[in-house]
Amino acid sequence: MIAARDLLGRDVPARIPVMVVTFVSNAMVMVVAGLMSPGLESWRPPAEWHSAFLGFAGVFVTLGHGGLLLAYRLGRTAAVAPFFYSFALWAVLSGIVVFGALPNALAL
């Protein structure tokens, strides 16, 4: 889904502001997650600190989506994509270092 977003995002006309596209992207993620959530998770009310973390995560995800879209608009896909997809390596390394967790077979 992320690759599809990236491929579709590079064809968005430059006259549409980056933050508008970022807002729509965030709204689509929120709607899809909301639709999937009842079947995959059990709901319980969040504590105040959960809400704070969700707020911070929302700000950083918005900045990340905006920065990524801007990078794809300003640079060539072949130059930007390797940097973006290196997140998988960093996720595995941080999982090992921070949580002491190795990726399972599905993740590999």
N, C-alpha and C. Protein backbone atom coordinates (compact mmCIF):
# COMPACT_ATOMS: atom_id res chain seq x y z
N MET A 1 0.82 -1.19 0.00
CA MET A 1 0.00 0.00 0.00
C MET A 1 0.87 1.26 0.00
N ILE A 2 2.00 1.20 0.69
CA ILE A 2 2.89 2.36 0.73
C ILE A 2 3.48 2.61 -0.65
N ALA A 3 3.87 1.55 -1.33
CA ALA A 3 4.42 1.71 -2.69
C ALA A 3 3.36 2.30 -3.62
N ALA A 4 2.12 1.85 -3.49
CA ALA A 4 1.04 2.40 -4.32
C ALA A 4 0.84 3.88 -4.02
N ARG A 5 0.90 4.25 -2.74
CA ARG A 5 0.78 5.66 -2.37
C ARG A 5 1.90 6.48 -2.99
N ASP A 6 3.11 5.95 -2.96
CA ASP A 6 4.25 6.68 -3.53
C ASP A 6 4.11 6.84 -5.03
N LEU A 7 3.69 5.78 -5.70
CA LEU A 7 3.53 5.86 -7.15
C LEU A 7 2.41 6.81 -7.55
N LEU A 8 1.30 6.78 -6.81
CA LEU A 8 0.20 7.70 -7.08
C LEU A 8 0.56 9.13 -6.70
N GLY A 9 1.31 9.27 -5.61
CA GLY A 9 1.67 10.60 -5.12
C GLY A 9 2.56 11.38 -6.06
N ARG A 10 3.38 10.71 -6.81
CA ARG A 10 4.27 11.45 -7.71
C ARG A 10 3.53 12.02 -8.91
N ASP A 11 2.32 11.52 -9.18
CA ASP A 11 1.52 12.03 -10.29
C ASP A 11 0.53 13.11 -9.88
N VAL A 12 0.52 13.47 -8.60
CA VAL A 12 -0.36 14.53 -8.14
C VAL A 12 0.15 15.85 -8.72
N PRO A 13 -0.72 16.64 -9.33
CA PRO A 13 -0.26 17.91 -9.92
C PRO A 13 0.42 18.81 -8.88
N ALA A 14 1.47 19.49 -9.30
CA ALA A 14 2.23 20.36 -8.40
C ALA A 14 1.40 21.54 -7.90
N ARG A 15 0.31 21.87 -8.57
CA ARG A 15 -0.53 22.99 -8.13
C ARG A 15 -1.30 22.66 -6.85
N ILE A 16 -1.41 21.38 -6.52
CA ILE A 16 -2.08 20.97 -5.27
C ILE A 16 -1.04 21.02 -4.15
N PRO A 17 -1.29 21.80 -3.11
CA PRO A 17 -0.29 21.93 -2.03
C PRO A 17 0.02 20.60 -1.35
N VAL A 18 1.26 20.47 -0.92
CA VAL A 18 1.72 19.25 -0.26
C VAL A 18 0.88 18.92 0.96
N MET A 19 0.51 19.93 1.75
CA MET A 19 -0.24 19.65 2.97
C MET A 19 -1.66 19.19 2.68
N VAL A 20 -2.23 19.56 1.55
CA VAL A 20 -3.56 19.06 1.17
C VAL A 20 -3.46 17.57 0.85
N VAL A 21 -2.46 17.19 0.09
CA VAL A 21 -2.27 15.78 -0.25
C VAL A 21 -1.94 14.99 1.01
N THR A 22 -1.15 15.56 1.91
CA THR A 22 -0.82 14.90 3.17
C THR A 22 -2.07 14.69 4.02
N PHE A 23 -2.93 15.70 4.09
CA PHE A 23 -4.17 15.58 4.86
C PHE A 23 -5.04 14.46 4.29
N VAL A 24 -5.18 14.40 2.97
CA VAL A 24 -6.00 13.36 2.35
C VAL A 24 -5.39 11.98 2.61
N SER A 25 -4.07 11.89 2.53
CA SER A 25 -3.40 10.61 2.81
C SER A 25 -3.64 10.17 4.25
N ASN A 26 -3.50 11.10 5.19
CA ASN A 26 -3.75 10.77 6.60
C ASN A 26 -5.21 10.39 6.83
N ALA A 27 -6.13 11.10 6.18
CA ALA A 27 -7.55 10.78 6.33
C ALA A 27 -7.86 9.39 5.80
N MET A 28 -7.25 9.02 4.67
CA MET A 28 -7.49 7.69 4.11
C MET A 28 -6.95 6.60 5.04
N VAL A 29 -5.78 6.82 5.60
CA VAL A 29 -5.22 5.85 6.55
C VAL A 29 -6.12 5.72 7.77
N MET A 30 -6.63 6.84 8.27
CA MET A 30 -7.49 6.82 9.44
C MET A 30 -8.80 6.07 9.16
N VAL A 31 -9.39 6.30 8.00
CA VAL A 31 -10.65 5.64 7.66
C VAL A 31 -10.44 4.14 7.50
N VAL A 32 -9.40 3.74 6.76
CA VAL A 32 -9.14 2.31 6.55
C VAL A 32 -8.81 1.62 7.87
N ALA A 33 -7.98 2.26 8.71
CA ALA A 33 -7.66 1.68 10.01
C ALA A 33 -8.91 1.56 10.87
N GLY A 34 -9.78 2.57 10.81
CA GLY A 34 -11.02 2.52 11.58
C GLY A 34 -11.94 1.40 11.11
N LEU A 35 -11.97 1.15 9.81
CA LEU A 35 -12.80 0.06 9.29
C LEU A 35 -12.23 -1.31 9.63
N MET A 36 -10.90 -1.43 9.65
CA MET A 36 -10.27 -2.71 9.94
C MET A 36 -10.21 -3.01 11.44
N SER A 37 -10.18 -1.99 12.24
CA SER A 37 -9.97 -2.15 13.67
C SER A 37 -10.97 -3.06 14.38
N PRO A 38 -12.28 -2.92 14.14
CA PRO A 38 -13.21 -3.77 14.90
C PRO A 38 -12.99 -5.27 14.68
N GLY A 39 -12.55 -5.67 13.51
CA GLY A 39 -12.34 -7.08 13.25
C GLY A 39 -11.00 -7.61 13.73
N LEU A 40 -10.07 -6.71 14.00
CA LEU A 40 -8.72 -7.15 14.35
C LEU A 40 -8.29 -6.82 15.78
N GLU A 41 -8.96 -5.88 16.40
CA GLU A 41 -8.55 -5.42 17.73
C GLU A 41 -9.76 -5.35 18.66
N SER A 42 -9.50 -5.46 19.95
CA SER A 42 -10.57 -5.21 20.92
C SER A 42 -10.39 -3.77 21.42
N TRP A 43 -11.49 -3.02 21.46
CA TRP A 43 -11.42 -1.61 21.79
C TRP A 43 -11.49 -1.40 23.28
N ARG A 44 -10.71 -0.46 23.76
CA ARG A 44 -10.83 0.02 25.14
C ARG A 44 -10.43 1.48 25.14
N PRO A 45 -10.98 2.27 26.04
CA PRO A 45 -10.70 3.70 26.02
C PRO A 45 -9.22 3.98 26.30
N PRO A 46 -8.64 4.93 25.58
CA PRO A 46 -7.23 5.25 25.81
C PRO A 46 -7.04 6.07 27.08
N ALA A 47 -5.90 5.85 27.71
CA ALA A 47 -5.53 6.69 28.86
C ALA A 47 -5.04 8.04 28.32
N GLU A 48 -4.89 9.01 29.20
CA GLU A 48 -4.45 10.34 28.76
C GLU A 48 -3.09 10.28 28.09
N TRP A 49 -2.17 9.49 28.63
CA TRP A 49 -0.83 9.44 28.03
C TRP A 49 -0.87 8.76 26.68
N HIS A 50 -1.84 7.84 26.46
CA HIS A 50 -2.00 7.26 25.12
C HIS A 50 -2.39 8.35 24.13
N SER A 51 -3.30 9.21 24.54
CA SER A 51 -3.75 10.29 23.67
C SER A 51 -2.61 11.23 23.33
N ALA A 52 -1.75 11.51 24.30
CA ALA A 52 -0.59 12.37 24.05
C ALA A 52 0.34 11.72 23.03
N PHE A 53 0.63 10.43 23.21
CA PHE A 53 1.49 9.73 22.26
C PHE A 53 0.86 9.70 20.87
N LEU A 54 -0.45 9.48 20.79
CA LEU A 54 -1.13 9.49 19.50
C LEU A 54 -1.05 10.87 18.85
N GLY A 55 -1.17 11.91 19.64
CA GLY A 55 -1.03 13.27 19.10
C GLY A 55 0.35 13.52 18.53
N PHE A 56 1.39 13.14 19.29
CA PHE A 56 2.76 13.30 18.80
C PHE A 56 3.00 12.45 17.56
N ALA A 57 2.49 11.22 17.57
CA ALA A 57 2.65 10.35 16.40
C ALA A 57 1.97 10.95 15.19
N GLY A 58 0.79 11.54 15.38
CA GLY A 58 0.09 12.18 14.28
C GLY A 58 0.88 13.33 13.68
N VAL A 59 1.51 14.14 14.53
CA VAL A 59 2.32 15.26 14.04
C VAL A 59 3.50 14.73 13.22
N PHE A 60 4.19 13.72 13.75
CA PHE A 60 5.36 13.20 13.05
C PHE A 60 5.00 12.46 11.77
N VAL A 61 3.89 11.73 11.78
CA VAL A 61 3.44 11.07 10.54
C VAL A 61 3.07 12.11 9.48
N THR A 62 2.42 13.17 9.91
CA THR A 62 2.06 14.24 8.96
C THR A 62 3.32 14.88 8.38
N LEU A 63 4.29 15.18 9.21
CA LEU A 63 5.55 15.74 8.71
C LEU A 63 6.27 14.75 7.79
N GLY A 64 6.23 13.48 8.14
CA GLY A 64 6.87 12.46 7.30
C GLY A 64 6.20 12.33 5.95
N HIS A 65 4.87 12.28 5.93
CA HIS A 65 4.15 12.19 4.65
C HIS A 65 4.41 13.42 3.79
N GLY A 66 4.38 14.59 4.41
CA GLY A 66 4.63 15.83 3.67
C GLY A 66 6.05 15.87 3.11
N GLY A 67 7.01 15.49 3.93
CA GLY A 67 8.41 15.48 3.47
C GLY A 67 8.64 14.47 2.36
N LEU A 68 8.01 13.32 2.48
CA LEU A 68 8.16 12.29 1.45
C LEU A 68 7.54 12.73 0.13
N LEU A 69 6.36 13.29 0.20
CA LEU A 69 5.72 13.77 -1.02
C LEU A 69 6.55 14.88 -1.67
N LEU A 70 7.07 15.77 -0.86
CA LEU A 70 7.90 16.85 -1.38
C LEU A 70 9.18 16.29 -2.01
N ALA A 71 9.77 15.28 -1.38
CA ALA A 71 10.97 14.66 -1.94
C ALA A 71 10.68 14.02 -3.29
N TYR A 72 9.55 13.34 -3.41
CA TYR A 72 9.20 12.73 -4.69
C TYR A 72 8.88 13.79 -5.75
N ARG A 73 8.36 14.93 -5.32
CA ARG A 73 8.08 16.00 -6.29
C ARG A 73 9.36 16.66 -6.78
N LEU A 74 10.31 16.83 -5.88
CA LEU A 74 11.53 17.56 -6.23
C LEU A 74 12.63 16.67 -6.79
N GLY A 75 12.64 15.41 -6.43
CA GLY A 75 13.71 14.51 -6.86
C GLY A 75 13.21 13.40 -7.75
N ARG A 76 14.14 12.66 -8.28
CA ARG A 76 13.78 11.50 -9.09
C ARG A 76 13.41 10.34 -8.18
N THR A 77 12.44 9.56 -8.60
CA THR A 77 11.99 8.41 -7.81
C THR A 77 13.15 7.46 -7.53
N ALA A 78 13.98 7.23 -8.53
CA ALA A 78 15.11 6.30 -8.37
C ALA A 78 16.10 6.79 -7.32
N ALA A 79 16.15 8.10 -7.09
CA ALA A 79 17.06 8.64 -6.08
C ALA A 79 16.42 8.66 -4.69
N VAL A 80 15.12 8.87 -4.63
CA VAL A 80 14.44 9.02 -3.34
C VAL A 80 14.08 7.66 -2.73
N ALA A 81 13.62 6.74 -3.54
CA ALA A 81 13.10 5.46 -3.04
C ALA A 81 14.09 4.67 -2.18
N PRO A 82 15.35 4.54 -2.56
CA PRO A 82 16.26 3.76 -1.70
C PRO A 82 16.37 4.32 -0.28
N PHE A 83 16.34 5.64 -0.14
CA PHE A 83 16.41 6.23 1.19
C PHE A 83 15.15 5.93 1.98
N PHE A 84 14.01 6.02 1.32
CA PHE A 84 12.75 5.76 2.01
C PHE A 84 12.65 4.30 2.43
N TYR A 85 12.95 3.39 1.52
CA TYR A 85 12.78 1.97 1.84
C TYR A 85 13.87 1.42 2.74
N SER A 86 14.87 2.21 3.06
CA SER A 86 15.88 1.78 4.03
C SER A 86 15.27 1.70 5.44
N PHE A 87 14.01 2.22 5.59
CA PHE A 87 13.36 2.15 6.91
C PHE A 87 13.24 0.70 7.37
N ALA A 88 13.13 -0.25 6.45
CA ALA A 88 13.00 -1.65 6.85
C ALA A 88 14.24 -2.12 7.59
N LEU A 89 15.41 -1.74 7.08
CA LEU A 89 16.66 -2.10 7.76
C LEU A 89 16.72 -1.46 9.14
N TRP A 90 16.38 -0.17 9.23
CA TRP A 90 16.42 0.51 10.51
C TRP A 90 15.39 -0.05 11.48
N ALA A 91 14.25 -0.48 10.99
CA ALA A 91 13.23 -1.08 11.86
C ALA A 91 13.74 -2.38 12.47
N VAL A 92 14.39 -3.21 11.65
CA VAL A 92 14.94 -4.47 12.16
C VAL A 92 16.04 -4.20 13.18
N LEU A 93 16.95 -3.29 12.84
CA LEU A 93 18.05 -2.97 13.76
C LEU A 93 17.54 -2.38 15.08
N SER A 94 16.58 -1.47 15.02
CA SER A 94 16.07 -0.89 16.26
C SER A 94 15.28 -1.93 17.05
N GLY A 95 14.60 -2.84 16.37
CA GLY A 95 13.89 -3.91 17.08
C GLY A 95 14.85 -4.80 17.85
N ILE A 96 16.00 -5.08 17.25
CA ILE A 96 17.00 -5.91 17.92
C ILE A 96 17.63 -5.15 19.08
N VAL A 97 18.07 -3.91 18.83
CA VAL A 97 18.80 -3.14 19.84
C VAL A 97 17.88 -2.69 20.98
N VAL A 98 16.73 -2.13 20.64
CA VAL A 98 15.86 -1.55 21.67
C VAL A 98 15.03 -2.61 22.38
N PHE A 99 14.44 -3.53 21.61
CA PHE A 99 13.52 -4.50 22.21
C PHE A 99 14.09 -5.92 22.32
N GLY A 100 15.25 -6.17 21.75
CA GLY A 100 15.82 -7.51 21.78
C GLY A 100 14.99 -8.51 21.03
N ALA A 101 14.29 -8.05 19.97
CA ALA A 101 13.38 -8.91 19.22
C ALA A 101 13.89 -9.13 17.81
N LEU A 102 13.97 -10.38 17.42
CA LEU A 102 14.34 -10.71 16.04
C LEU A 102 13.08 -10.78 15.20
N PRO A 103 13.17 -10.43 13.93
CA PRO A 103 11.98 -10.52 13.07
C PRO A 103 11.57 -11.98 12.87
N ASN A 104 10.25 -12.21 12.78
CA ASN A 104 9.76 -13.56 12.54
C ASN A 104 9.84 -13.88 11.05
N ALA A 105 9.43 -15.07 10.67
CA ALA A 105 9.52 -15.51 9.27
C ALA A 105 8.68 -14.63 8.34
N LEU A 106 7.50 -14.23 8.79
CA LEU A 106 6.65 -13.38 7.97
C LEU A 106 7.32 -12.04 7.69
N ALA A 107 7.94 -11.45 8.71
CA ALA A 107 8.61 -10.16 8.55
C ALA A 107 9.80 -10.29 7.61
N LEU A 108 10.52 -11.39 7.72
CA LEU A 108 11.67 -11.56 6.81
C LEU A 108 11.20 -11.77 5.39
